[in-house]
Amino acid sequence: MPTTIKDAQKAVKDFAIRNNWKDVPNVDKFDHLHEELIEMSQHLRYKDEEERIKIAKEKKEIFKDGIGDLFFALCRLANQLDVDVEDAFNMVKKEIFAKYDKKGKEINLVKNA
């Protein structure tokens, strides 16, 4: 049976409890998320679209590991802030879809992104 977002968040919470980790807001978790994003973005930074597509395929395991680390850390942060990840996603999903369905193409703020 596939893991749902709620299941994942609960598994991370249970893991924290087993390891005596406190679920209190911690700025270190923000830094952890930032570090994971930078680590992955370095593979694609300053590359043209063709190169980014090639690298994403060639380094899929690196990105898969990074996305997993990000999601785990996001669940930890959400637990520390007492935020349900699924509810948070559903809250912003409607706003984002409505905003960009009207605009069309996604806007990249970084050159060659």
N, C-alpha and C. Protein backbone atom coordinates (compact mmCIF):
# COMPACT_ATOMS: atom_id res chain seq x y z
N MET A 1 0.84 -1.19 0.00
CA MET A 1 0.00 0.00 0.00
C MET A 1 0.89 1.25 0.00
N PRO A 2 0.63 2.20 -0.91
CA PRO A 2 1.45 3.41 -0.98
C PRO A 2 1.31 4.26 0.29
N THR A 3 2.36 4.99 0.59
CA THR A 3 2.35 5.89 1.74
C THR A 3 1.70 7.20 1.32
N THR A 4 0.75 7.66 2.11
CA THR A 4 0.14 8.96 1.84
C THR A 4 0.99 10.05 2.49
N ILE A 5 0.68 11.29 2.18
CA ILE A 5 1.39 12.40 2.81
C ILE A 5 1.17 12.37 4.31
N LYS A 6 -0.06 12.13 4.73
CA LYS A 6 -0.36 12.05 6.17
C LYS A 6 0.41 10.91 6.83
N ASP A 7 0.49 9.76 6.15
CA ASP A 7 1.25 8.62 6.69
C ASP A 7 2.73 8.99 6.84
N ALA A 8 3.27 9.67 5.84
CA ALA A 8 4.68 10.05 5.88
C ALA A 8 4.94 11.01 7.04
N GLN A 9 4.07 11.99 7.20
CA GLN A 9 4.26 12.95 8.28
C GLN A 9 4.17 12.26 9.63
N LYS A 10 3.25 11.32 9.78
CA LYS A 10 3.12 10.58 11.04
C LYS A 10 4.34 9.69 11.27
N ALA A 11 4.84 9.06 10.22
CA ALA A 11 6.03 8.20 10.36
C ALA A 11 7.23 9.02 10.84
N VAL A 12 7.38 10.23 10.31
CA VAL A 12 8.47 11.10 10.74
C VAL A 12 8.28 11.51 12.20
N LYS A 13 7.03 11.80 12.57
CA LYS A 13 6.73 12.16 13.96
C LYS A 13 7.05 11.00 14.90
N ASP A 14 6.63 9.79 14.53
CA ASP A 14 6.91 8.60 15.34
C ASP A 14 8.41 8.35 15.45
N PHE A 15 9.13 8.55 14.35
CA PHE A 15 10.59 8.38 14.34
C PHE A 15 11.24 9.36 15.32
N ALA A 16 10.77 10.61 15.30
CA ALA A 16 11.30 11.64 16.20
C ALA A 16 11.05 11.25 17.66
N ILE A 17 9.87 10.74 17.93
CA ILE A 17 9.54 10.32 19.30
C ILE A 17 10.46 9.19 19.75
N ARG A 18 10.66 8.19 18.89
CA ARG A 18 11.54 7.05 19.22
C ARG A 18 12.97 7.50 19.50
N ASN A 19 13.38 8.58 18.87
CA ASN A 19 14.75 9.07 19.02
C ASN A 19 14.86 10.23 20.01
N ASN A 20 13.76 10.48 20.74
CA ASN A 20 13.73 11.55 21.75
C ASN A 20 14.04 12.93 21.17
N TRP A 21 13.60 13.16 19.93
CA TRP A 21 13.75 14.48 19.32
C TRP A 21 12.52 15.30 19.69
N LYS A 22 12.73 16.54 20.04
CA LYS A 22 11.63 17.42 20.40
C LYS A 22 11.01 18.02 19.14
N ASP A 23 9.70 18.05 19.12
CA ASP A 23 8.99 18.71 18.02
C ASP A 23 8.66 20.13 18.43
N VAL A 24 9.70 20.93 18.54
CA VAL A 24 9.53 22.36 18.82
C VAL A 24 10.14 23.12 17.65
N PRO A 25 9.59 24.30 17.33
CA PRO A 25 10.14 25.05 16.19
C PRO A 25 11.65 25.22 16.32
N ASN A 26 12.34 24.98 15.20
CA ASN A 26 13.80 24.98 15.20
C ASN A 26 14.29 25.57 13.88
N VAL A 27 15.01 26.66 13.95
CA VAL A 27 15.49 27.31 12.73
C VAL A 27 16.45 26.41 11.96
N ASP A 28 17.09 25.47 12.63
CA ASP A 28 18.00 24.55 11.94
C ASP A 28 17.30 23.77 10.84
N LYS A 29 16.03 23.47 11.01
CA LYS A 29 15.30 22.72 9.99
C LYS A 29 15.13 23.56 8.73
N PHE A 30 14.95 24.86 8.86
CA PHE A 30 14.89 25.74 7.68
C PHE A 30 16.23 25.69 6.95
N ASP A 31 17.31 25.76 7.73
CA ASP A 31 18.65 25.71 7.14
C ASP A 31 18.90 24.38 6.44
N HIS A 32 18.42 23.29 7.02
CA HIS A 32 18.58 21.97 6.42
C HIS A 32 17.88 21.92 5.06
N LEU A 33 16.67 22.43 5.01
CA LEU A 33 15.94 22.46 3.73
C LEU A 33 16.68 23.29 2.70
N HIS A 34 17.18 24.42 3.12
CA HIS A 34 17.93 25.31 2.23
C HIS A 34 19.17 24.61 1.69
N GLU A 35 19.91 23.94 2.56
CA GLU A 35 21.13 23.23 2.14
C GLU A 35 20.81 22.14 1.12
N GLU A 36 19.75 21.39 1.35
CA GLU A 36 19.36 20.33 0.41
C GLU A 36 19.02 20.92 -0.95
N LEU A 37 18.30 22.03 -0.97
CA LEU A 37 17.94 22.66 -2.24
C LEU A 37 19.17 23.16 -2.98
N ILE A 38 20.10 23.78 -2.27
CA ILE A 38 21.32 24.27 -2.89
C ILE A 38 22.14 23.12 -3.47
N GLU A 39 22.23 22.04 -2.70
CA GLU A 39 23.00 20.87 -3.15
C GLU A 39 22.47 20.36 -4.49
N MET A 40 21.16 20.27 -4.62
CA MET A 40 20.58 19.79 -5.87
C MET A 40 20.70 20.83 -6.98
N SER A 41 20.47 22.10 -6.65
CA SER A 41 20.48 23.13 -7.69
C SER A 41 21.86 23.32 -8.31
N GLN A 42 22.92 22.99 -7.58
CA GLN A 42 24.27 23.15 -8.10
C GLN A 42 24.51 22.29 -9.34
N HIS A 43 23.80 21.20 -9.46
CA HIS A 43 23.95 20.34 -10.63
C HIS A 43 23.37 20.98 -11.89
N LEU A 44 22.41 21.89 -11.71
CA LEU A 44 21.70 22.46 -12.85
C LEU A 44 21.99 23.93 -13.10
N ARG A 45 22.62 24.56 -12.14
CA ARG A 45 22.87 26.01 -12.22
C ARG A 45 23.72 26.37 -13.44
N TYR A 46 23.32 27.44 -14.10
CA TYR A 46 24.04 28.01 -15.26
C TYR A 46 24.13 27.06 -16.45
N LYS A 47 23.18 26.16 -16.55
CA LYS A 47 23.11 25.25 -17.69
C LYS A 47 21.91 25.65 -18.54
N ASP A 48 22.01 25.40 -19.83
CA ASP A 48 20.86 25.67 -20.68
C ASP A 48 19.85 24.53 -20.52
N GLU A 49 18.71 24.71 -21.12
CA GLU A 49 17.61 23.75 -20.95
C GLU A 49 18.00 22.33 -21.37
N GLU A 50 18.67 22.19 -22.47
CA GLU A 50 19.08 20.88 -22.96
C GLU A 50 20.01 20.18 -21.96
N GLU A 51 20.97 20.93 -21.43
CA GLU A 51 21.91 20.36 -20.45
C GLU A 51 21.18 19.96 -19.17
N ARG A 52 20.21 20.80 -18.73
CA ARG A 52 19.48 20.49 -17.51
C ARG A 52 18.68 19.20 -17.66
N ILE A 53 18.07 19.02 -18.81
CA ILE A 53 17.30 17.80 -19.07
C ILE A 53 18.22 16.58 -19.03
N LYS A 54 19.38 16.69 -19.67
CA LYS A 54 20.35 15.59 -19.70
C LYS A 54 20.85 15.26 -18.28
N ILE A 55 21.22 16.29 -17.52
CA ILE A 55 21.74 16.08 -16.17
C ILE A 55 20.67 15.47 -15.27
N ALA A 56 19.44 15.93 -15.40
CA ALA A 56 18.35 15.39 -14.58
C ALA A 56 18.19 13.89 -14.81
N LYS A 57 18.36 13.45 -16.05
CA LYS A 57 18.26 12.02 -16.35
C LYS A 57 19.48 11.26 -15.83
N GLU A 58 20.66 11.83 -16.08
CA GLU A 58 21.90 11.15 -15.68
C GLU A 58 22.07 11.06 -14.17
N LYS A 59 21.59 12.04 -13.46
CA LYS A 59 21.79 12.11 -12.00
C LYS A 59 20.48 11.90 -11.25
N LYS A 60 19.59 11.13 -11.85
CA LYS A 60 18.26 10.93 -11.26
C LYS A 60 18.34 10.45 -9.82
N GLU A 61 19.24 9.54 -9.51
CA GLU A 61 19.35 9.02 -8.14
C GLU A 61 19.75 10.11 -7.15
N ILE A 62 20.61 11.02 -7.58
CA ILE A 62 21.00 12.14 -6.71
C ILE A 62 19.78 13.01 -6.41
N PHE A 63 18.99 13.31 -7.44
CA PHE A 63 17.80 14.14 -7.25
C PHE A 63 16.73 13.39 -6.45
N LYS A 64 16.60 12.11 -6.69
CA LYS A 64 15.63 11.31 -5.93
C LYS A 64 15.98 11.32 -4.45
N ASP A 65 17.27 11.13 -4.13
CA ASP A 65 17.73 11.17 -2.75
C ASP A 65 17.49 12.56 -2.15
N GLY A 66 17.80 13.60 -2.90
CA GLY A 66 17.60 14.96 -2.42
C GLY A 66 16.15 15.29 -2.15
N ILE A 67 15.27 14.86 -3.06
CA ILE A 67 13.83 15.10 -2.87
C ILE A 67 13.34 14.34 -1.64
N GLY A 68 13.82 13.12 -1.45
CA GLY A 68 13.46 12.35 -0.26
C GLY A 68 13.91 13.05 1.01
N ASP A 69 15.16 13.53 1.02
CA ASP A 69 15.67 14.27 2.18
C ASP A 69 14.85 15.53 2.43
N LEU A 70 14.50 16.24 1.36
CA LEU A 70 13.69 17.45 1.50
C LEU A 70 12.33 17.13 2.10
N PHE A 71 11.70 16.07 1.60
CA PHE A 71 10.37 15.73 2.09
C PHE A 71 10.41 15.31 3.56
N PHE A 72 11.42 14.52 3.92
CA PHE A 72 11.57 14.11 5.32
C PHE A 72 11.75 15.36 6.19
N ALA A 73 12.65 16.25 5.79
CA ALA A 73 12.92 17.46 6.56
C ALA A 73 11.69 18.38 6.60
N LEU A 74 10.94 18.42 5.50
CA LEU A 74 9.72 19.22 5.46
C LEU A 74 8.70 18.67 6.46
N CYS A 75 8.58 17.35 6.52
CA CYS A 75 7.68 16.73 7.50
C CYS A 75 8.12 17.05 8.92
N ARG A 76 9.45 17.02 9.18
CA ARG A 76 9.97 17.38 10.51
C ARG A 76 9.60 18.81 10.85
N LEU A 77 9.84 19.73 9.90
CA LEU A 77 9.52 21.14 10.13
C LEU A 77 8.02 21.32 10.36
N ALA A 78 7.21 20.67 9.54
CA ALA A 78 5.75 20.78 9.70
C ALA A 78 5.33 20.28 11.08
N ASN A 79 5.92 19.18 11.53
CA ASN A 79 5.59 18.67 12.86
C ASN A 79 6.01 19.66 13.94
N GLN A 80 7.18 20.26 13.76
CA GLN A 80 7.65 21.24 14.74
C GLN A 80 6.73 22.46 14.81
N LEU A 81 6.14 22.81 13.68
CA LEU A 81 5.25 23.98 13.62
C LEU A 81 3.78 23.62 13.77
N ASP A 82 3.50 22.32 13.97
CA ASP A 82 2.13 21.81 14.10
C ASP A 82 1.28 22.17 12.88
N VAL A 83 1.85 21.90 11.71
CA VAL A 83 1.16 22.15 10.43
C VAL A 83 0.97 20.81 9.72
N ASP A 84 -0.23 20.55 9.27
CA ASP A 84 -0.52 19.36 8.49
C ASP A 84 -0.08 19.63 7.05
N VAL A 85 0.90 18.86 6.55
CA VAL A 85 1.46 19.09 5.22
C VAL A 85 0.38 18.99 4.14
N GLU A 86 -0.47 17.99 4.25
CA GLU A 86 -1.51 17.80 3.24
C GLU A 86 -2.49 18.97 3.23
N ASP A 87 -2.90 19.43 4.41
CA ASP A 87 -3.80 20.58 4.49
C ASP A 87 -3.13 21.83 3.91
N ALA A 88 -1.84 22.02 4.22
CA ALA A 88 -1.11 23.18 3.72
C ALA A 88 -1.05 23.14 2.19
N PHE A 89 -0.76 21.96 1.64
CA PHE A 89 -0.70 21.83 0.19
C PHE A 89 -2.06 22.15 -0.44
N ASN A 90 -3.11 21.55 0.11
CA ASN A 90 -4.44 21.78 -0.45
C ASN A 90 -4.86 23.24 -0.35
N MET A 91 -4.40 23.93 0.69
CA MET A 91 -4.73 25.35 0.86
C MET A 91 -4.11 26.19 -0.27
N VAL A 92 -2.85 25.97 -0.58
CA VAL A 92 -2.18 26.80 -1.59
C VAL A 92 -2.40 26.29 -3.02
N LYS A 93 -2.73 25.03 -3.17
CA LYS A 93 -2.92 24.45 -4.50
C LYS A 93 -3.95 25.22 -5.31
N LYS A 94 -5.08 25.51 -4.71
CA LYS A 94 -6.14 26.22 -5.42
C LYS A 94 -5.67 27.60 -5.87
N GLU A 95 -4.98 28.31 -4.97
CA GLU A 95 -4.50 29.65 -5.29
C GLU A 95 -3.48 29.61 -6.43
N ILE A 96 -2.54 28.68 -6.36
CA ILE A 96 -1.50 28.58 -7.38
C ILE A 96 -2.09 28.17 -8.72
N PHE A 97 -2.97 27.17 -8.72
CA PHE A 97 -3.59 26.75 -9.97
C PHE A 97 -4.36 27.90 -10.60
N ALA A 98 -5.13 28.61 -9.80
CA ALA A 98 -5.93 29.72 -10.33
C ALA A 98 -5.02 30.82 -10.89
N LYS A 99 -3.95 31.12 -10.20
CA LYS A 99 -3.04 32.18 -10.63
C LYS A 99 -2.35 31.83 -11.94
N TYR A 100 -1.83 30.61 -12.05
CA TYR A 100 -1.02 30.25 -13.21
C TYR A 100 -1.82 29.65 -14.35
N ASP A 101 -3.02 29.16 -14.10
CA ASP A 101 -3.86 28.69 -15.20
C ASP A 101 -4.18 29.85 -16.13
N LYS A 102 -4.26 31.04 -15.57
CA LYS A 102 -4.58 32.23 -16.36
C LYS A 102 -3.36 32.81 -17.06
N LYS A 103 -2.17 32.60 -16.47
CA LYS A 103 -0.94 33.21 -17.00
C LYS A 103 -0.25 32.33 -18.03
N GLY A 104 -0.45 31.03 -17.95
CA GLY A 104 0.21 30.15 -18.90
C GLY A 104 1.56 29.67 -18.40
N LYS A 105 2.61 29.95 -19.18
CA LYS A 105 3.94 29.43 -18.92
C LYS A 105 4.49 29.84 -17.56
N GLU A 106 5.17 28.90 -16.89
CA GLU A 106 5.80 29.18 -15.61
C GLU A 106 6.91 30.21 -15.80
N ILE A 107 7.01 31.13 -14.89
CA ILE A 107 8.00 32.20 -14.95
C ILE A 107 9.24 31.77 -14.18
N ASN A 108 10.40 31.84 -14.81
CA ASN A 108 11.66 31.54 -14.14
C ASN A 108 12.34 32.85 -13.78
N LEU A 109 12.69 32.98 -12.51
CA LEU A 109 13.30 34.21 -12.04
C LEU A 109 14.82 34.20 -12.17
N VAL A 110 15.40 33.03 -12.41
CA VAL A 110 16.85 32.90 -12.53
C VAL A 110 17.19 32.74 -14.00
N LYS A 111 18.20 33.47 -14.46
CA LYS A 111 18.62 33.40 -15.86
C LYS A 111 18.94 31.95 -16.23
N ASN A 112 18.47 31.51 -17.38
CA ASN A 112 18.68 30.15 -17.90
C ASN A 112 18.05 29.07 -17.02
N ALA A 113 17.07 29.42 -16.21
CA ALA A 113 16.47 28.43 -15.30
C ALA A 113 15.41 27.62 -15.99
